[in-house]
ModelCIF file with pLDDT and N, C-alpha, C, O atoms, coordinates in Angstrom:
data_MODEL
#
_entry.id   MODEL 
#
_entity.id                         1 
_entity.type                       polymer 
_entity.pdbx_number_of_molecules   1 
#
_entity_poly.entity_id                      1 
_entity_poly.type                           'polypeptide(L)' 
_entity_poly.nstd_linkage                   no 
_entity_poly.nstd_monomer                   no 
_entity_poly.pdbx_seq_one_letter_code       
;(UNK)(UNK)(UNK)(UNK)(UNK)(UNK)(UNK)(UNK)(UNK)(UNK)(UNK)(UNK)(UNK)(UNK)(UNK)(UNK)
(UNK)(UNK)(UNK)(UNK)(UNK)(UNK)(UNK)(UNK)(UNK)(UNK)(UNK)(UNK)(UNK)(UNK)(UNK)(UNK)
(UNK)(UNK)(UNK)(UNK)
;
_entity_poly.pdbx_seq_one_letter_code_can   XXXXXXXXXXXXXXXXXXXXXXXXXXXXXXXXXXXX 
_entity_poly.pdbx_strand_id                 A 
#
loop_
_entity_poly_seq.entity_id 
_entity_poly_seq.num 
_entity_poly_seq.mon_id 
_entity_poly_seq.hetero 
1 1  UNK n 
1 2  UNK n 
1 3  UNK n 
1 4  UNK n 
1 5  UNK n 
1 6  UNK n 
1 7  UNK n 
1 8  UNK n 
1 9  UNK n 
1 10 UNK n 
1 11 UNK n 
1 12 UNK n 
1 13 UNK n 
1 14 UNK n 
1 15 UNK n 
1 16 UNK n 
1 17 UNK n 
1 18 UNK n 
1 19 UNK n 
1 20 UNK n 
1 21 UNK n 
1 22 UNK n 
1 23 UNK n 
1 24 UNK n 
1 25 UNK n 
1 26 UNK n 
1 27 UNK n 
1 28 UNK n 
1 29 UNK n 
1 30 UNK n 
1 31 UNK n 
1 32 UNK n 
1 33 UNK n 
1 34 UNK n 
1 35 UNK n 
1 36 UNK n 
#
_struct_asym.id          A 
_struct_asym.entity_id   1 
#
loop_
_ma_qa_metric.id 
_ma_qa_metric.mode 
_ma_qa_metric.name 
_ma_qa_metric.software_group_id 
_ma_qa_metric.type 
1 global pLDDT . pLDDT 
2 local  pLDDT . pLDDT 
#
_ma_qa_metric_global.metric_id      1 
_ma_qa_metric_global.metric_value   76.31 
_ma_qa_metric_global.model_id       1 
_ma_qa_metric_global.ordinal_id     1 
#
loop_
_ma_qa_metric_local.label_asym_id 
_ma_qa_metric_local.label_comp_id 
_ma_qa_metric_local.label_seq_id 
_ma_qa_metric_local.metric_id 
_ma_qa_metric_local.metric_value 
_ma_qa_metric_local.model_id 
_ma_qa_metric_local.ordinal_id 
A UNK 1  2 85.00 1 1  
A UNK 2  2 85.00 1 2  
A UNK 3  2 88.00 1 3  
A UNK 4  2 87.00 1 4  
A UNK 5  2 85.00 1 5  
A UNK 6  2 86.00 1 6  
A UNK 7  2 89.00 1 7  
A UNK 8  2 88.00 1 8  
A UNK 9  2 87.00 1 9  
A UNK 10 2 88.00 1 10 
A UNK 11 2 89.00 1 11 
A UNK 12 2 89.00 1 12 
A UNK 13 2 87.00 1 13 
A UNK 14 2 85.00 1 14 
A UNK 15 2 86.00 1 15 
A UNK 16 2 85.00 1 16 
A UNK 17 2 79.00 1 17 
A UNK 18 2 76.00 1 18 
A UNK 19 2 78.00 1 19 
A UNK 20 2 73.00 1 20 
A UNK 21 2 68.00 1 21 
A UNK 22 2 71.00 1 22 
A UNK 23 2 70.00 1 23 
A UNK 24 2 65.00 1 24 
A UNK 25 2 65.00 1 25 
A UNK 26 2 68.00 1 26 
A UNK 27 2 64.00 1 27 
A UNK 28 2 60.00 1 28 
A UNK 29 2 63.00 1 29 
A UNK 30 2 61.00 1 30 
A UNK 31 2 57.00 1 31 
A UNK 32 2 60.00 1 32 
A UNK 33 2 70.00 1 33 
A UNK 34 2 70.00 1 34 
A UNK 35 2 64.00 1 35 
A UNK 36 2 76.00 1 36 
#
loop_
_atom_site.group_PDB 
_atom_site.id 
_atom_site.type_symbol 
_atom_site.label_atom_id 
_atom_site.label_alt_id 
_atom_site.label_comp_id 
_atom_site.label_asym_id 
_atom_site.label_entity_id 
_atom_site.label_seq_id 
_atom_site.pdbx_PDB_ins_code 
_atom_site.Cartn_x 
_atom_site.Cartn_y 
_atom_site.Cartn_z 
_atom_site.occupancy 
_atom_site.B_iso_or_equiv 
_atom_site.pdbx_formal_charge 
_atom_site.auth_seq_id 
_atom_site.auth_comp_id 
_atom_site.auth_asym_id 
_atom_site.auth_atom_id 
_atom_site.pdbx_PDB_model_num 
ATOM 1   N N  . UNK A 1 1  ? 77.114  114.439 49.358 1.00 85.00 ? 1  UNK A N  1 
ATOM 2   C CA . UNK A 1 1  ? 77.985  113.890 48.316 1.00 85.00 ? 1  UNK A CA 1 
ATOM 3   C C  . UNK A 1 1  ? 79.445  114.219 48.604 1.00 85.00 ? 1  UNK A C  1 
ATOM 4   O O  . UNK A 1 1  ? 80.323  113.382 48.397 1.00 85.00 ? 1  UNK A O  1 
ATOM 5   N N  . UNK A 1 2  ? 79.709  115.442 49.082 1.00 85.00 ? 2  UNK A N  1 
ATOM 6   C CA . UNK A 1 2  ? 81.075  115.843 49.402 1.00 85.00 ? 2  UNK A CA 1 
ATOM 7   C C  . UNK A 1 2  ? 81.628  115.022 50.572 1.00 85.00 ? 2  UNK A C  1 
ATOM 8   O O  . UNK A 1 2  ? 82.788  114.609 50.563 1.00 85.00 ? 2  UNK A O  1 
ATOM 9   N N  . UNK A 1 3  ? 80.782  114.795 51.575 1.00 88.00 ? 3  UNK A N  1 
ATOM 10  C CA . UNK A 1 3  ? 81.199  113.973 52.714 1.00 88.00 ? 3  UNK A CA 1 
ATOM 11  C C  . UNK A 1 3  ? 81.537  112.556 52.240 1.00 88.00 ? 3  UNK A C  1 
ATOM 12  O O  . UNK A 1 3  ? 82.567  112.000 52.623 1.00 88.00 ? 3  UNK A O  1 
ATOM 13  N N  . UNK A 1 4  ? 80.670  111.977 51.408 1.00 87.00 ? 4  UNK A N  1 
ATOM 14  C CA . UNK A 1 4  ? 80.890  110.619 50.916 1.00 87.00 ? 4  UNK A CA 1 
ATOM 15  C C  . UNK A 1 4  ? 82.180  110.545 50.088 1.00 87.00 ? 4  UNK A C  1 
ATOM 16  O O  . UNK A 1 4  ? 82.949  109.590 50.197 1.00 87.00 ? 4  UNK A O  1 
ATOM 17  N N  . UNK A 1 5  ? 82.395  111.562 49.270 1.00 85.00 ? 5  UNK A N  1 
ATOM 18  C CA . UNK A 1 5  ? 83.595  111.583 48.442 1.00 85.00 ? 5  UNK A CA 1 
ATOM 19  C C  . UNK A 1 5  ? 84.850  111.673 49.309 1.00 85.00 ? 5  UNK A C  1 
ATOM 20  O O  . UNK A 1 5  ? 85.824  110.952 49.090 1.00 85.00 ? 5  UNK A O  1 
ATOM 21  N N  . UNK A 1 6  ? 84.810  112.562 50.289 1.00 86.00 ? 6  UNK A N  1 
ATOM 22  C CA . UNK A 1 6  ? 85.965  112.735 51.168 1.00 86.00 ? 6  UNK A CA 1 
ATOM 23  C C  . UNK A 1 6  ? 86.228  111.471 51.980 1.00 86.00 ? 6  UNK A C  1 
ATOM 24  O O  . UNK A 1 6  ? 87.379  111.062 52.131 1.00 86.00 ? 6  UNK A O  1 
ATOM 25  N N  . UNK A 1 7  ? 85.176  110.850 52.502 1.00 89.00 ? 7  UNK A N  1 
ATOM 26  C CA . UNK A 1 7  ? 85.327  109.618 53.263 1.00 89.00 ? 7  UNK A CA 1 
ATOM 27  C C  . UNK A 1 7  ? 85.923  108.515 52.393 1.00 89.00 ? 7  UNK A C  1 
ATOM 28  O O  . UNK A 1 7  ? 86.828  107.800 52.823 1.00 89.00 ? 7  UNK A O  1 
ATOM 29  N N  . UNK A 1 8  ? 85.414  108.378 51.170 1.00 88.00 ? 8  UNK A N  1 
ATOM 30  C CA . UNK A 1 8  ? 85.913  107.337 50.276 1.00 88.00 ? 8  UNK A CA 1 
ATOM 31  C C  . UNK A 1 8  ? 87.390  107.541 49.974 1.00 88.00 ? 8  UNK A C  1 
ATOM 32  O O  . UNK A 1 8  ? 88.159  106.581 49.938 1.00 88.00 ? 8  UNK A O  1 
ATOM 33  N N  . UNK A 1 9  ? 87.788  108.800 49.755 1.00 87.00 ? 9  UNK A N  1 
ATOM 34  C CA . UNK A 1 9  ? 89.184  109.087 49.442 1.00 87.00 ? 9  UNK A CA 1 
ATOM 35  C C  . UNK A 1 9  ? 90.083  108.821 50.649 1.00 87.00 ? 9  UNK A C  1 
ATOM 36  O O  . UNK A 1 9  ? 91.181  108.285 50.497 1.00 87.00 ? 9  UNK A O  1 
ATOM 37  N N  . UNK A 1 10 ? 89.624  109.193 51.843 1.00 88.00 ? 10 UNK A N  1 
ATOM 38  C CA . UNK A 1 10 ? 90.406  108.939 53.057 1.00 88.00 ? 10 UNK A CA 1 
ATOM 39  C C  . UNK A 1 10 ? 90.589  107.447 53.297 1.00 88.00 ? 10 UNK A C  1 
ATOM 40  O O  . UNK A 1 10 ? 91.698  106.990 53.572 1.00 88.00 ? 10 UNK A O  1 
ATOM 41  N N  . UNK A 1 11 ? 89.500  106.687 53.193 1.00 89.00 ? 11 UNK A N  1 
ATOM 42  C CA . UNK A 1 11 ? 89.571  105.241 53.414 1.00 89.00 ? 11 UNK A CA 1 
ATOM 43  C C  . UNK A 1 11 ? 90.444  104.584 52.349 1.00 89.00 ? 11 UNK A C  1 
ATOM 44  O O  . UNK A 1 11 ? 91.224  103.680 52.649 1.00 89.00 ? 11 UNK A O  1 
ATOM 45  N N  . UNK A 1 12 ? 90.310  105.040 51.105 1.00 89.00 ? 12 UNK A N  1 
ATOM 46  C CA . UNK A 1 12 ? 91.127  104.480 50.020 1.00 89.00 ? 12 UNK A CA 1 
ATOM 47  C C  . UNK A 1 12 ? 92.607  104.709 50.292 1.00 89.00 ? 12 UNK A C  1 
ATOM 48  O O  . UNK A 1 12 ? 93.413  103.790 50.141 1.00 89.00 ? 12 UNK A O  1 
ATOM 49  N N  . UNK A 1 13 ? 92.975  105.929 50.693 1.00 87.00 ? 13 UNK A N  1 
ATOM 50  C CA . UNK A 1 13 ? 94.382  106.232 50.985 1.00 87.00 ? 13 UNK A CA 1 
ATOM 51  C C  . UNK A 1 13 ? 94.867  105.418 52.176 1.00 87.00 ? 13 UNK A C  1 
ATOM 52  O O  . UNK A 1 13 ? 95.961  104.855 52.140 1.00 87.00 ? 13 UNK A O  1 
ATOM 53  N N  . UNK A 1 14 ? 94.064  105.352 53.225 1.00 85.00 ? 14 UNK A N  1 
ATOM 54  C CA . UNK A 1 14 ? 94.434  104.627 54.443 1.00 85.00 ? 14 UNK A CA 1 
ATOM 55  C C  . UNK A 1 14 ? 94.688  103.154 54.132 1.00 85.00 ? 14 UNK A C  1 
ATOM 56  O O  . UNK A 1 14 ? 95.711  102.599 54.531 1.00 85.00 ? 14 UNK A O  1 
ATOM 57  N N  . UNK A 1 15 ? 93.752  102.523 53.417 1.00 86.00 ? 15 UNK A N  1 
ATOM 58  C CA . UNK A 1 15 ? 93.896  101.108 53.082 1.00 86.00 ? 15 UNK A CA 1 
ATOM 59  C C  . UNK A 1 15 ? 95.078  100.865 52.154 1.00 86.00 ? 15 UNK A C  1 
ATOM 60  O O  . UNK A 1 15 ? 95.792  99.872  52.294 1.00 86.00 ? 15 UNK A O  1 
ATOM 61  N N  . UNK A 1 16 ? 95.284  101.784 51.196 1.00 85.00 ? 16 UNK A N  1 
ATOM 62  C CA . UNK A 1 16 ? 96.397  101.626 50.270 1.00 85.00 ? 16 UNK A CA 1 
ATOM 63  C C  . UNK A 1 16 ? 97.724  101.656 51.011 1.00 85.00 ? 16 UNK A C  1 
ATOM 64  O O  . UNK A 1 16 ? 98.615  100.854 50.731 1.00 85.00 ? 16 UNK A O  1 
ATOM 65  N N  . UNK A 1 17 ? 97.856  102.583 51.960 1.00 79.00 ? 17 UNK A N  1 
ATOM 66  C CA . UNK A 1 17 ? 99.098  102.676 52.720 1.00 79.00 ? 17 UNK A CA 1 
ATOM 67  C C  . UNK A 1 17 ? 99.339  101.419 53.559 1.00 79.00 ? 17 UNK A C  1 
ATOM 68  O O  . UNK A 1 17 ? 100.468 100.935 53.642 1.00 79.00 ? 17 UNK A O  1 
ATOM 69  N N  . UNK A 1 18 ? 98.300  100.900 54.168 1.00 76.00 ? 18 UNK A N  1 
ATOM 70  C CA . UNK A 1 18 ? 98.436  99.671  54.953 1.00 76.00 ? 18 UNK A CA 1 
ATOM 71  C C  . UNK A 1 18 ? 98.797  98.481  54.073 1.00 76.00 ? 18 UNK A C  1 
ATOM 72  O O  . UNK A 1 18 ? 99.633  97.659  54.448 1.00 76.00 ? 18 UNK A O  1 
ATOM 73  N N  . UNK A 1 19 ? 98.163  98.388  52.899 1.00 78.00 ? 19 UNK A N  1 
ATOM 74  C CA . UNK A 1 19 ? 98.443  97.269  52.003 1.00 78.00 ? 19 UNK A CA 1 
ATOM 75  C C  . UNK A 1 19 ? 99.868  97.324  51.476 1.00 78.00 ? 19 UNK A C  1 
ATOM 76  O O  . UNK A 1 19 ? 100.528 96.291  51.359 1.00 78.00 ? 19 UNK A O  1 
ATOM 77  N N  . UNK A 1 20 ? 100.346 98.520  51.160 1.00 73.00 ? 20 UNK A N  1 
ATOM 78  C CA . UNK A 1 20 ? 101.723 98.654  50.683 1.00 73.00 ? 20 UNK A CA 1 
ATOM 79  C C  . UNK A 1 20 ? 102.702 98.241  51.761 1.00 73.00 ? 20 UNK A C  1 
ATOM 80  O O  . UNK A 1 20 ? 103.667 97.530  51.483 1.00 73.00 ? 20 UNK A O  1 
ATOM 81  N N  . UNK A 1 21 ? 102.466 98.680  52.992 1.00 68.00 ? 21 UNK A N  1 
ATOM 82  C CA . UNK A 1 21 ? 103.355 98.312  54.095 1.00 68.00 ? 21 UNK A CA 1 
ATOM 83  C C  . UNK A 1 21 ? 103.326 96.806  54.326 1.00 68.00 ? 21 UNK A C  1 
ATOM 84  O O  . UNK A 1 21 ? 104.362 96.190  54.573 1.00 68.00 ? 21 UNK A O  1 
ATOM 85  N N  . UNK A 1 22 ? 102.131 96.216  54.246 1.00 71.00 ? 22 UNK A N  1 
ATOM 86  C CA . UNK A 1 22 ? 102.005 94.772  54.470 1.00 71.00 ? 22 UNK A CA 1 
ATOM 87  C C  . UNK A 1 22 ? 102.737 93.991  53.375 1.00 71.00 ? 22 UNK A C  1 
ATOM 88  O O  . UNK A 1 22 ? 103.411 93.001  53.661 1.00 71.00 ? 22 UNK A O  1 
ATOM 89  N N  . UNK A 1 23 ? 102.607 94.433  52.137 1.00 70.00 ? 23 UNK A N  1 
ATOM 90  C CA . UNK A 1 23 ? 103.260 93.732  51.032 1.00 70.00 ? 23 UNK A CA 1 
ATOM 91  C C  . UNK A 1 23 ? 104.780 93.802  51.162 1.00 70.00 ? 23 UNK A C  1 
ATOM 92  O O  . UNK A 1 23 ? 105.477 92.823  50.893 1.00 70.00 ? 23 UNK A O  1 
ATOM 93  N N  . UNK A 1 24 ? 105.286 94.959  51.572 1.00 65.00 ? 24 UNK A N  1 
ATOM 94  C CA . UNK A 1 24 ? 106.729 95.112  51.732 1.00 65.00 ? 24 UNK A CA 1 
ATOM 95  C C  . UNK A 1 24 ? 107.241 94.231  52.862 1.00 65.00 ? 24 UNK A C  1 
ATOM 96  O O  . UNK A 1 24 ? 108.296 93.606  52.747 1.00 65.00 ? 24 UNK A O  1 
ATOM 97  N N  . UNK A 1 25 ? 106.486 94.185  53.951 1.00 65.00 ? 25 UNK A N  1 
ATOM 98  C CA . UNK A 1 25 ? 106.879 93.337  55.074 1.00 65.00 ? 25 UNK A CA 1 
ATOM 99  C C  . UNK A 1 25 ? 106.953 91.873  54.649 1.00 65.00 ? 25 UNK A C  1 
ATOM 100 O O  . UNK A 1 25 ? 107.917 91.175  54.963 1.00 65.00 ? 25 UNK A O  1 
ATOM 101 N N  . UNK A 1 26 ? 105.925 91.413  53.930 1.00 68.00 ? 26 UNK A N  1 
ATOM 102 C CA . UNK A 1 26 ? 105.897 90.022  53.490 1.00 68.00 ? 26 UNK A CA 1 
ATOM 103 C C  . UNK A 1 26 ? 107.073 89.733  52.565 1.00 68.00 ? 26 UNK A C  1 
ATOM 104 O O  . UNK A 1 26 ? 107.701 88.678  52.652 1.00 68.00 ? 26 UNK A O  1 
ATOM 105 N N  . UNK A 1 27 ? 107.364 90.690  51.671 1.00 64.00 ? 27 UNK A N  1 
ATOM 106 C CA . UNK A 1 27 ? 108.488 90.515  50.754 1.00 64.00 ? 27 UNK A CA 1 
ATOM 107 C C  . UNK A 1 27 ? 109.817 90.401  51.474 1.00 64.00 ? 27 UNK A C  1 
ATOM 108 O O  . UNK A 1 27 ? 110.639 89.544  51.148 1.00 64.00 ? 27 UNK A O  1 
ATOM 109 N N  . UNK A 1 28 ? 110.026 91.274  52.458 1.00 60.00 ? 28 UNK A N  1 
ATOM 110 C CA . UNK A 1 28 ? 111.284 91.248  53.204 1.00 60.00 ? 28 UNK A CA 1 
ATOM 111 C C  . UNK A 1 28 ? 111.391 89.974  54.037 1.00 60.00 ? 28 UNK A C  1 
ATOM 112 O O  . UNK A 1 28 ? 112.429 89.313  54.038 1.00 60.00 ? 28 UNK A O  1 
ATOM 113 N N  . UNK A 1 29 ? 110.322 89.634  54.743 1.00 63.00 ? 29 UNK A N  1 
ATOM 114 C CA . UNK A 1 29 ? 110.365 88.451  55.595 1.00 63.00 ? 29 UNK A CA 1 
ATOM 115 C C  . UNK A 1 29 ? 110.548 87.178  54.772 1.00 63.00 ? 29 UNK A C  1 
ATOM 116 O O  . UNK A 1 29 ? 111.188 86.228  55.222 1.00 63.00 ? 29 UNK A O  1 
ATOM 117 N N  . UNK A 1 30 ? 109.980 87.165  53.560 1.00 61.00 ? 30 UNK A N  1 
ATOM 118 C CA . UNK A 1 30 ? 110.071 85.972  52.733 1.00 61.00 ? 30 UNK A CA 1 
ATOM 119 C C  . UNK A 1 30 ? 111.345 85.872  51.928 1.00 61.00 ? 30 UNK A C  1 
ATOM 120 O O  . UNK A 1 30 ? 111.692 84.785  51.468 1.00 61.00 ? 30 UNK A O  1 
ATOM 121 N N  . UNK A 1 31 ? 112.059 86.983  51.739 1.00 57.00 ? 31 UNK A N  1 
ATOM 122 C CA . UNK A 1 31 ? 113.229 86.963  50.871 1.00 57.00 ? 31 UNK A CA 1 
ATOM 123 C C  . UNK A 1 31 ? 114.514 87.301  51.611 1.00 57.00 ? 31 UNK A C  1 
ATOM 124 O O  . UNK A 1 31 ? 115.437 86.487  51.662 1.00 57.00 ? 31 UNK A O  1 
ATOM 125 N N  . UNK A 1 32 ? 114.577 88.502  52.188 1.00 60.00 ? 32 UNK A N  1 
ATOM 126 C CA . UNK A 1 32 ? 115.842 88.968  52.759 1.00 60.00 ? 32 UNK A CA 1 
ATOM 127 C C  . UNK A 1 32 ? 116.240 88.228  54.032 1.00 60.00 ? 32 UNK A C  1 
ATOM 128 O O  . UNK A 1 32 ? 117.428 88.107  54.332 1.00 60.00 ? 32 UNK A O  1 
ATOM 129 N N  . UNK A 1 33 ? 115.263 87.737  54.778 1.00 70.00 ? 33 UNK A N  1 
ATOM 130 C CA . UNK A 1 33 ? 115.597 87.014  56.000 1.00 70.00 ? 33 UNK A CA 1 
ATOM 131 C C  . UNK A 1 33 ? 115.928 85.541  55.743 1.00 70.00 ? 33 UNK A C  1 
ATOM 132 O O  . UNK A 1 33 ? 116.413 84.839  56.631 1.00 70.00 ? 33 UNK A O  1 
ATOM 133 N N  . UNK A 1 34 ? 115.661 85.088  54.531 1.00 70.00 ? 34 UNK A N  1 
ATOM 134 C CA . UNK A 1 34 ? 115.840 83.671  54.242 1.00 70.00 ? 34 UNK A CA 1 
ATOM 135 C C  . UNK A 1 34 ? 117.301 83.242  54.350 1.00 70.00 ? 34 UNK A C  1 
ATOM 136 O O  . UNK A 1 34 ? 117.595 82.195  54.927 1.00 70.00 ? 34 UNK A O  1 
ATOM 137 N N  . UNK A 1 35 ? 118.212 84.033  53.806 1.00 64.00 ? 35 UNK A N  1 
ATOM 138 C CA . UNK A 1 35 ? 119.625 83.643  53.796 1.00 64.00 ? 35 UNK A CA 1 
ATOM 139 C C  . UNK A 1 35 ? 120.230 83.557  55.191 1.00 64.00 ? 35 UNK A C  1 
ATOM 140 O O  . UNK A 1 35 ? 120.790 82.516  55.533 1.00 64.00 ? 35 UNK A O  1 
ATOM 141 N N  . UNK A 1 36 ? 120.143 84.614  56.026 1.00 76.00 ? 36 UNK A N  1 
ATOM 142 C CA . UNK A 1 36 ? 120.726 84.482  57.369 1.00 76.00 ? 36 UNK A CA 1 
ATOM 143 C C  . UNK A 1 36 ? 120.029 83.414  58.216 1.00 76.00 ? 36 UNK A C  1 
ATOM 144 O O  . UNK A 1 36 ? 120.411 83.192  59.365 1.00 76.00 ? 36 UNK A O  1 
#
């Protein structure tokens, strides 16, 4: 149970960090680069 809990928390953190980075990239590419 401890292994499963630790694995779930690690994967959750890893995926969350990737999703946040991806969302920020999409936002910048879609907005800030539009004007230049």
